[in-house]
Amino acid sequence: MNRIATLVAASMLPTFVAAQQAPIAEPASSTETKLQNLLDREEIRQVITNYGLAFDMQDWDLHRSVFTDEIQMDFTASLGGGLQTMAADGWVSAVKPFFGDC
């Protein structure tokens, strides 16, 4: 290493060491963001759980609760036609007969 590079490296070393030893203070928004992410994940987990539980219990009110009023379904693989928009109430009414007396 030449003399100038050595001097530059030596002058940076105290700053680097001090930066490593300094406590990392997270801004409040970072903590708030992390908390919101955890809350969002839990809400998503609950929706997924309710979706399966609704079928298992044949609880159609619970099944309806996991959807917004208007939903989009992609029937390309089964019926063709691609993405279709429909009322969630219509979707629940359409799937109920497939689960009768299970």
N, C-alpha and C. Protein backbone atom coordinates (compact mmCIF):
# COMPACT_ATOMS: atom_id res chain seq x y z
N MET A 1 0.86 -1.17 0.00
CA MET A 1 0.00 0.00 0.00
C MET A 1 0.91 1.23 0.00
N ASN A 2 0.63 2.20 -0.86
CA ASN A 2 1.47 3.39 -0.88
C ASN A 2 1.17 4.29 0.32
N ARG A 3 2.01 5.28 0.53
CA ARG A 3 1.93 6.12 1.72
C ARG A 3 0.60 6.87 1.81
N ILE A 4 0.09 7.41 0.70
CA ILE A 4 -1.17 8.17 0.73
C ILE A 4 -2.34 7.25 1.08
N ALA A 5 -2.37 6.07 0.47
CA ALA A 5 -3.44 5.13 0.77
C ALA A 5 -3.40 4.72 2.23
N THR A 6 -2.20 4.55 2.78
CA THR A 6 -2.06 4.18 4.18
C THR A 6 -2.57 5.30 5.09
N LEU A 7 -2.23 6.54 4.75
CA LEU A 7 -2.70 7.68 5.55
C LEU A 7 -4.23 7.82 5.50
N VAL A 8 -4.80 7.63 4.32
CA VAL A 8 -6.26 7.71 4.18
C VAL A 8 -6.92 6.61 5.01
N ALA A 9 -6.40 5.39 4.88
CA ALA A 9 -6.97 4.27 5.64
C ALA A 9 -6.83 4.50 7.13
N ALA A 10 -5.68 5.00 7.57
CA ALA A 10 -5.45 5.26 8.99
C ALA A 10 -6.37 6.36 9.51
N SER A 11 -6.62 7.36 8.70
CA SER A 11 -7.49 8.45 9.15
C SER A 11 -8.95 8.01 9.23
N MET A 12 -9.33 7.01 8.47
CA MET A 12 -10.71 6.53 8.49
C MET A 12 -10.96 5.52 9.59
N LEU A 13 -9.93 4.86 10.07
CA LEU A 13 -10.08 3.80 11.06
C LEU A 13 -10.81 4.26 12.33
N PRO A 14 -10.44 5.39 12.95
CA PRO A 14 -11.18 5.79 14.16
C PRO A 14 -12.67 6.02 13.90
N THR A 15 -13.01 6.57 12.75
CA THR A 15 -14.41 6.80 12.41
C THR A 15 -15.14 5.47 12.26
N PHE A 16 -14.50 4.51 11.59
CA PHE A 16 -15.10 3.20 11.38
C PHE A 16 -15.32 2.49 12.71
N VAL A 17 -14.31 2.52 13.59
CA VAL A 17 -14.42 1.87 14.89
C VAL A 17 -15.51 2.54 15.73
N ALA A 18 -15.55 3.86 15.72
CA ALA A 18 -16.57 4.58 16.49
C ALA A 18 -17.96 4.26 15.98
N ALA A 19 -18.10 4.15 14.67
CA ALA A 19 -19.40 3.84 14.08
C ALA A 19 -19.85 2.44 14.48
N GLN A 20 -18.91 1.51 14.59
CA GLN A 20 -19.27 0.15 14.98
C GLN A 20 -19.69 0.08 16.44
N GLN A 21 -19.11 0.94 17.27
CA GLN A 21 -19.39 0.89 18.70
C GLN A 21 -20.60 1.72 19.10
N ALA A 22 -21.01 2.64 18.26
CA ALA A 22 -22.14 3.50 18.60
C ALA A 22 -23.44 2.70 18.57
N PRO A 23 -24.32 2.93 19.53
CA PRO A 23 -25.61 2.24 19.49
C PRO A 23 -26.42 2.69 18.28
N ILE A 24 -27.15 1.75 17.73
CA ILE A 24 -27.98 2.06 16.57
C ILE A 24 -29.34 2.50 17.09
N ALA A 25 -29.67 3.73 16.83
CA ALA A 25 -30.96 4.27 17.25
C ALA A 25 -31.90 4.23 16.05
N GLU A 26 -32.94 3.42 16.18
CA GLU A 26 -33.92 3.34 15.11
C GLU A 26 -34.91 4.48 15.25
N PRO A 27 -35.24 5.12 14.14
CA PRO A 27 -36.26 6.16 14.22
C PRO A 27 -37.60 5.56 14.62
N ALA A 28 -38.43 6.37 15.24
CA ALA A 28 -39.74 5.89 15.69
C ALA A 28 -40.55 5.31 14.54
N SER A 29 -40.44 5.92 13.37
CA SER A 29 -41.23 5.42 12.25
C SER A 29 -40.81 4.01 11.87
N SER A 30 -39.54 3.68 12.06
CA SER A 30 -39.09 2.34 11.76
C SER A 30 -39.75 1.33 12.70
N THR A 31 -39.80 1.65 13.97
CA THR A 31 -40.46 0.79 14.94
C THR A 31 -41.96 0.71 14.64
N GLU A 32 -42.55 1.84 14.33
CA GLU A 32 -43.98 1.85 13.99
C GLU A 32 -44.24 1.04 12.73
N THR A 33 -43.35 1.15 11.76
CA THR A 33 -43.50 0.38 10.52
C THR A 33 -43.41 -1.11 10.80
N LYS A 34 -42.45 -1.50 11.63
CA LYS A 34 -42.30 -2.92 11.98
C LYS A 34 -43.55 -3.43 12.70
N LEU A 35 -44.06 -2.64 13.62
CA LEU A 35 -45.27 -3.03 14.34
C LEU A 35 -46.44 -3.17 13.39
N GLN A 36 -46.59 -2.21 12.48
CA GLN A 36 -47.69 -2.27 11.52
C GLN A 36 -47.56 -3.50 10.62
N ASN A 37 -46.32 -3.82 10.22
CA ASN A 37 -46.10 -5.02 9.41
C ASN A 37 -46.53 -6.27 10.15
N LEU A 38 -46.21 -6.35 11.44
CA LEU A 38 -46.63 -7.50 12.24
C LEU A 38 -48.15 -7.57 12.36
N LEU A 39 -48.78 -6.43 12.59
CA LEU A 39 -50.24 -6.40 12.68
C LEU A 39 -50.88 -6.81 11.35
N ASP A 40 -50.31 -6.33 10.24
CA ASP A 40 -50.82 -6.69 8.92
C ASP A 40 -50.68 -8.18 8.67
N ARG A 41 -49.52 -8.75 9.04
CA ARG A 41 -49.31 -10.18 8.86
C ARG A 41 -50.32 -10.99 9.65
N GLU A 42 -50.58 -10.57 10.88
CA GLU A 42 -51.55 -11.29 11.71
C GLU A 42 -52.95 -11.21 11.11
N GLU A 43 -53.30 -10.05 10.57
CA GLU A 43 -54.62 -9.92 9.95
C GLU A 43 -54.73 -10.82 8.72
N ILE A 44 -53.68 -10.89 7.93
CA ILE A 44 -53.68 -11.78 6.76
C ILE A 44 -53.78 -13.23 7.20
N ARG A 45 -53.02 -13.59 8.24
CA ARG A 45 -53.06 -14.96 8.76
C ARG A 45 -54.47 -15.32 9.23
N GLN A 46 -55.14 -14.36 9.86
CA GLN A 46 -56.50 -14.60 10.35
C GLN A 46 -57.48 -14.80 9.20
N VAL A 47 -57.34 -14.03 8.13
CA VAL A 47 -58.21 -14.18 6.96
C VAL A 47 -58.01 -15.57 6.35
N ILE A 48 -56.76 -16.00 6.22
CA ILE A 48 -56.48 -17.32 5.64
C ILE A 48 -57.05 -18.42 6.53
N THR A 49 -56.88 -18.28 7.83
CA THR A 49 -57.43 -19.27 8.77
C THR A 49 -58.95 -19.31 8.67
N ASN A 50 -59.58 -18.15 8.65
CA ASN A 50 -61.04 -18.09 8.56
C ASN A 50 -61.55 -18.68 7.26
N TYR A 51 -60.80 -18.50 6.17
CA TYR A 51 -61.21 -19.05 4.88
C TYR A 51 -61.33 -20.57 4.97
N GLY A 52 -60.32 -21.23 5.48
CA GLY A 52 -60.36 -22.68 5.61
C GLY A 52 -61.36 -23.15 6.65
N LEU A 53 -61.40 -22.45 7.77
CA LEU A 53 -62.32 -22.81 8.85
C LEU A 53 -63.77 -22.69 8.39
N ALA A 54 -64.07 -21.69 7.60
CA ALA A 54 -65.43 -21.50 7.10
C ALA A 54 -65.90 -22.69 6.28
N PHE A 55 -65.02 -23.22 5.44
CA PHE A 55 -65.39 -24.41 4.66
C PHE A 55 -65.56 -25.62 5.58
N ASP A 56 -64.62 -25.80 6.50
CA ASP A 56 -64.69 -26.95 7.41
C ASP A 56 -65.97 -26.94 8.24
N MET A 57 -66.37 -25.76 8.70
CA MET A 57 -67.55 -25.64 9.55
C MET A 57 -68.82 -25.35 8.77
N GLN A 58 -68.67 -25.17 7.46
CA GLN A 58 -69.79 -24.75 6.61
C GLN A 58 -70.46 -23.51 7.19
N ASP A 59 -69.63 -22.59 7.63
CA ASP A 59 -70.09 -21.32 8.19
C ASP A 59 -70.02 -20.29 7.07
N TRP A 60 -71.14 -20.08 6.39
CA TRP A 60 -71.14 -19.25 5.19
C TRP A 60 -71.05 -17.76 5.50
N ASP A 61 -71.47 -17.37 6.69
CA ASP A 61 -71.27 -15.97 7.10
C ASP A 61 -69.77 -15.70 7.30
N LEU A 62 -69.09 -16.65 7.91
CA LEU A 62 -67.65 -16.51 8.09
C LEU A 62 -66.94 -16.52 6.73
N HIS A 63 -67.38 -17.40 5.85
CA HIS A 63 -66.80 -17.46 4.50
C HIS A 63 -66.98 -16.12 3.80
N ARG A 64 -68.15 -15.55 3.90
CA ARG A 64 -68.42 -14.26 3.26
C ARG A 64 -67.55 -13.15 3.85
N SER A 65 -67.23 -13.25 5.13
CA SER A 65 -66.48 -12.20 5.81
C SER A 65 -65.03 -12.06 5.33
N VAL A 66 -64.51 -13.06 4.64
CA VAL A 66 -63.12 -12.96 4.19
C VAL A 66 -62.99 -12.22 2.87
N PHE A 67 -64.10 -11.84 2.26
CA PHE A 67 -64.08 -11.16 0.96
C PHE A 67 -64.56 -9.72 1.07
N THR A 68 -64.10 -8.90 0.13
CA THR A 68 -64.68 -7.57 -0.04
C THR A 68 -66.01 -7.75 -0.75
N ASP A 69 -66.80 -6.69 -0.88
CA ASP A 69 -68.11 -6.82 -1.51
C ASP A 69 -68.01 -7.27 -2.97
N GLU A 70 -67.00 -6.80 -3.67
CA GLU A 70 -66.80 -7.18 -5.07
C GLU A 70 -65.47 -7.92 -5.17
N ILE A 71 -65.48 -9.08 -5.81
CA ILE A 71 -64.27 -9.89 -5.93
C ILE A 71 -63.99 -10.21 -7.38
N GLN A 72 -62.75 -10.60 -7.64
CA GLN A 72 -62.36 -11.05 -8.97
C GLN A 72 -61.85 -12.47 -8.84
N MET A 73 -62.35 -13.34 -9.71
CA MET A 73 -61.94 -14.74 -9.72
C MET A 73 -61.40 -15.07 -11.10
N ASP A 74 -60.38 -15.91 -11.13
CA ASP A 74 -59.78 -16.33 -12.39
C ASP A 74 -60.15 -17.79 -12.63
N PHE A 75 -61.03 -18.01 -13.58
CA PHE A 75 -61.50 -19.36 -13.90
C PHE A 75 -60.83 -19.93 -15.14
N THR A 76 -59.72 -19.36 -15.57
CA THR A 76 -59.06 -19.79 -16.80
C THR A 76 -58.80 -21.28 -16.81
N ALA A 77 -58.25 -21.82 -15.72
CA ALA A 77 -57.87 -23.23 -15.69
C ALA A 77 -59.07 -24.16 -15.69
N SER A 78 -60.17 -23.77 -15.08
CA SER A 78 -61.31 -24.68 -14.96
C SER A 78 -62.42 -24.42 -15.97
N LEU A 79 -62.79 -23.17 -16.14
CA LEU A 79 -63.92 -22.85 -17.01
C LEU A 79 -63.53 -22.01 -18.22
N GLY A 80 -62.31 -21.50 -18.20
CA GLY A 80 -61.92 -20.58 -19.26
C GLY A 80 -62.51 -19.22 -19.00
N GLY A 81 -62.26 -18.31 -19.88
CA GLY A 81 -62.86 -16.99 -19.75
C GLY A 81 -62.06 -16.00 -18.94
N GLY A 82 -61.04 -16.44 -18.24
CA GLY A 82 -60.16 -15.51 -17.53
C GLY A 82 -60.78 -14.89 -16.30
N LEU A 83 -60.34 -13.70 -16.00
CA LEU A 83 -60.72 -12.98 -14.79
C LEU A 83 -62.16 -12.50 -14.89
N GLN A 84 -62.94 -12.79 -13.84
CA GLN A 84 -64.34 -12.36 -13.81
C GLN A 84 -64.60 -11.61 -12.50
N THR A 85 -65.33 -10.52 -12.59
CA THR A 85 -65.71 -9.74 -11.42
C THR A 85 -67.13 -10.14 -11.01
N MET A 86 -67.32 -10.32 -9.71
CA MET A 86 -68.65 -10.71 -9.22
C MET A 86 -68.83 -10.23 -7.80
N ALA A 87 -70.07 -10.26 -7.36
CA ALA A 87 -70.38 -9.91 -5.97
C ALA A 87 -69.97 -11.08 -5.08
N ALA A 88 -69.41 -10.77 -3.92
CA ALA A 88 -68.99 -11.83 -3.00
C ALA A 88 -70.18 -12.67 -2.54
N ASP A 89 -71.34 -12.04 -2.36
CA ASP A 89 -72.53 -12.80 -1.98
C ASP A 89 -72.86 -13.84 -3.04
N GLY A 90 -72.71 -13.48 -4.30
CA GLY A 90 -72.95 -14.42 -5.38
C GLY A 90 -71.96 -15.58 -5.36
N TRP A 91 -70.71 -15.28 -5.04
CA TRP A 91 -69.70 -16.34 -4.96
C TRP A 91 -70.04 -17.33 -3.84
N VAL A 92 -70.40 -16.80 -2.67
CA VAL A 92 -70.74 -17.67 -1.55
C VAL A 92 -71.94 -18.54 -1.89
N SER A 93 -72.94 -17.96 -2.52
CA SER A 93 -74.12 -18.74 -2.93
C SER A 93 -73.75 -19.81 -3.94
N ALA A 94 -72.78 -19.51 -4.80
CA ALA A 94 -72.38 -20.47 -5.84
C ALA A 94 -71.60 -21.65 -5.27
N VAL A 95 -70.80 -21.43 -4.22
CA VAL A 95 -69.99 -22.54 -3.70
C VAL A 95 -70.71 -23.37 -2.65
N LYS A 96 -71.72 -22.83 -2.01
CA LYS A 96 -72.43 -23.56 -0.96
C LYS A 96 -72.92 -24.94 -1.40
N PRO A 97 -73.52 -25.08 -2.58
CA PRO A 97 -74.02 -26.40 -2.97
C PRO A 97 -72.93 -27.48 -3.08
N PHE A 98 -71.70 -27.06 -3.32
CA PHE A 98 -70.62 -28.04 -3.44
C PHE A 98 -70.21 -28.61 -2.09
N PHE A 99 -70.69 -28.02 -1.00
CA PHE A 99 -70.30 -28.45 0.33
C PHE A 99 -71.49 -28.92 1.15
N GLY A 100 -72.59 -29.19 0.51
CA GLY A 100 -73.78 -29.62 1.22
C GLY A 100 -73.57 -30.95 1.93
N ASP A 101 -73.96 -31.01 3.18
CA ASP A 101 -73.92 -32.23 4.00
C ASP A 101 -72.56 -32.92 3.98
N CYS A 102 -71.49 -32.16 4.05
CA CYS A 102 -70.14 -32.76 4.10
C CYS A 102 -69.86 -33.27 5.49
